[in-house]
Amino acid sequence: MSAVSTRLPDGRYGRSSDERADHKLKVLGSVLGVLMLALLGWFAWHYVAQNKISAEVITFDVGEHAVKVHLEVRKDAGASGYCTVRSQSEDGAEVGRADFRFGGDATRIDKLVTLRTTSPGTTAELLGCHAD
């Protein structure tokens, strides 16, 4: 005696509802993945291409009421902007913050700036630079 199968023949009646749902989810996942990569690429391009001024803290010297910061600024010729520097005390409280402006035709600027503080600071941190 042979066993009787209740399963439908493969390919005869189209895809099952599970297979259709799986296919739709795969298409949706692919579209969302491509959109996410495009958005990530746009943000990366915007950050690199539009950021016309950047800087780096080379050294800093803390004092009683001020922190002297040596900044190295790199920018496009003719671009102007500012960099924000802050200092924190030993317990992590912010004791000073200032914006320092940079302009002119030079593409690389080494500048010693003085950040006044409300109490002795222990750090000098570059928060970021922005072009005008």
Protein backbone atom coordinates (compact mmCIF):
# COMPACT_ATOMS: atom_id res chain seq x y z
CA MET A 1 0.00 0.00 0.00
CA SER A 2 1.32 3.46 -0.86
CA ALA A 3 1.08 6.59 1.22
CA VAL A 4 -1.17 9.35 -0.07
CA SER A 5 0.31 12.85 -0.13
CA THR A 6 -1.94 15.84 0.56
CA ARG A 7 0.66 18.30 -0.64
CA LEU A 8 -0.02 20.22 -3.85
CA PRO A 9 2.34 19.71 -6.79
CA ASP A 10 5.25 22.22 -6.85
CA GLY A 11 4.85 25.10 -9.29
CA ARG A 12 1.37 24.11 -10.38
CA TYR A 13 -0.68 26.67 -8.43
CA GLY A 14 1.81 29.56 -8.02
CA ARG A 15 3.60 30.64 -4.87
CA SER A 16 2.18 30.03 -1.44
CA SER A 17 1.23 33.02 0.70
CA ASP A 18 4.36 32.52 2.83
CA GLU A 19 6.60 32.64 -0.24
CA ARG A 20 4.87 35.83 -1.47
CA ALA A 21 5.31 37.47 1.94
CA ASP A 22 9.00 36.45 2.04
CA HIS A 23 9.55 37.92 -1.42
CA LYS A 24 7.91 41.23 -0.45
CA LEU A 25 10.02 41.45 2.72
CA LYS A 26 13.21 40.79 0.74
CA VAL A 27 12.35 43.55 -1.74
CA LEU A 28 11.43 45.96 1.06
CA GLY A 29 14.66 45.16 2.94
CA SER A 30 16.73 45.73 -0.21
CA VAL A 31 15.07 49.09 -0.91
CA LEU A 32 15.55 50.25 2.70
CA GLY A 33 19.18 49.10 2.65
CA VAL A 34 19.90 51.06 -0.53
CA LEU A 35 18.19 54.17 0.90
CA MET A 36 20.19 53.87 4.12
CA LEU A 37 23.48 53.59 2.21
CA ALA A 38 22.56 56.59 0.07
CA LEU A 39 21.73 58.65 3.17
CA LEU A 40 24.99 57.64 4.84
CA GLY A 41 26.94 58.55 1.70
CA TRP A 42 25.23 61.94 1.51
CA PHE A 43 26.07 62.72 5.14
CA ALA A 44 29.70 61.66 4.60
CA TRP A 45 30.04 63.77 1.45
CA HIS A 46 28.41 66.76 3.13
CA TYR A 47 30.76 66.50 6.13
CA VAL A 48 33.91 66.17 4.04
CA ALA A 49 33.09 68.52 1.16
CA GLN A 50 31.32 71.24 3.12
CA ASN A 51 33.63 71.39 6.13
CA LYS A 52 35.97 74.16 4.97
CA ILE A 53 37.72 74.71 8.29
CA SER A 54 39.19 72.24 10.77
CA ALA A 55 41.62 72.52 13.65
CA GLU A 56 43.61 70.54 16.15
CA VAL A 57 44.86 71.32 19.66
CA ILE A 58 48.64 70.93 19.59
CA THR A 59 49.40 71.82 23.21
CA PHE A 60 47.83 73.68 26.09
CA ASP A 61 49.15 75.27 29.28
CA VAL A 62 46.84 75.68 32.27
CA GLY A 63 47.02 78.67 34.57
CA GLU A 64 45.08 80.06 37.52
CA HIS A 65 42.52 82.04 35.50
CA ALA A 66 43.28 81.11 31.89
CA VAL A 67 44.35 78.28 29.61
CA LYS A 68 46.75 79.02 26.75
CA VAL A 69 45.93 76.82 23.76
CA HIS A 70 48.09 76.27 20.66
CA LEU A 71 45.71 75.64 17.75
CA GLU A 72 46.64 74.48 14.27
CA VAL A 73 43.87 75.52 11.87
CA ARG A 74 43.51 74.18 8.32
CA LYS A 75 41.04 75.87 5.98
CA ASP A 76 40.34 76.75 2.37
CA ALA A 77 42.03 79.89 1.07
CA GLY A 78 39.75 82.85 1.66
CA ALA A 79 37.41 80.92 3.95
CA SER A 80 36.59 82.38 7.33
CA GLY A 81 35.06 80.82 10.39
CA TYR A 82 35.51 80.10 14.04
CA CYS A 83 36.57 77.28 16.34
CA THR A 84 35.06 76.63 19.77
CA VAL A 85 37.37 75.65 22.63
CA ARG A 86 36.39 74.77 26.18
CA SER A 87 38.13 73.97 29.43
CA GLN A 88 36.95 71.80 32.30
CA SER A 89 37.94 71.68 35.94
CA GLU A 90 39.22 68.60 37.69
CA ASP A 91 35.67 67.52 38.64
CA GLY A 92 34.46 67.80 35.02
CA ALA A 93 32.60 71.12 35.31
CA GLU A 94 33.01 73.52 32.41
CA VAL A 95 35.00 76.55 33.55
CA GLY A 96 35.56 78.29 30.22
CA ARG A 97 34.33 78.34 26.64
CA ALA A 98 35.17 80.70 23.78
CA ASP A 99 34.97 81.04 20.01
CA PHE A 100 38.13 82.05 18.16
CA ARG A 101 37.75 83.51 14.65
CA PHE A 102 40.02 82.72 11.70
CA GLY A 103 40.06 84.36 8.28
CA GLY A 104 42.38 85.47 5.51
CA ASP A 105 44.01 83.72 2.60
CA ALA A 106 46.32 81.40 4.54
CA THR A 107 45.39 77.72 4.40
CA ARG A 108 47.27 76.74 7.56
CA ILE A 109 47.36 78.89 10.69
CA ASP A 110 49.26 78.21 13.94
CA LYS A 111 47.84 80.42 16.65
CA LEU A 112 48.25 80.67 20.40
CA VAL A 113 44.91 81.69 21.95
CA THR A 114 44.03 82.42 25.58
CA LEU A 115 40.84 80.97 27.04
CA ARG A 116 39.79 82.75 30.23
CA THR A 117 38.39 80.49 32.95
CA THR A 118 36.27 81.05 36.07
CA SER A 119 38.40 78.66 38.11
CA PRO A 120 41.53 76.62 37.38
CA GLY A 121 41.01 74.46 34.30
CA THR A 122 42.71 71.14 33.69
CA THR A 123 41.90 70.58 30.02
CA ALA A 124 41.60 72.33 26.67
CA GLU A 125 39.15 70.64 24.32
CA LEU A 126 38.34 71.62 20.76
CA LEU A 127 34.58 71.26 20.36
CA GLY A 128 34.51 71.98 16.63
CA CYS A 129 35.03 74.47 13.82
CA HIS A 130 32.44 76.09 11.60
CA ALA A 131 32.81 78.05 8.37
CA ASP A 132 30.86 81.27 7.90
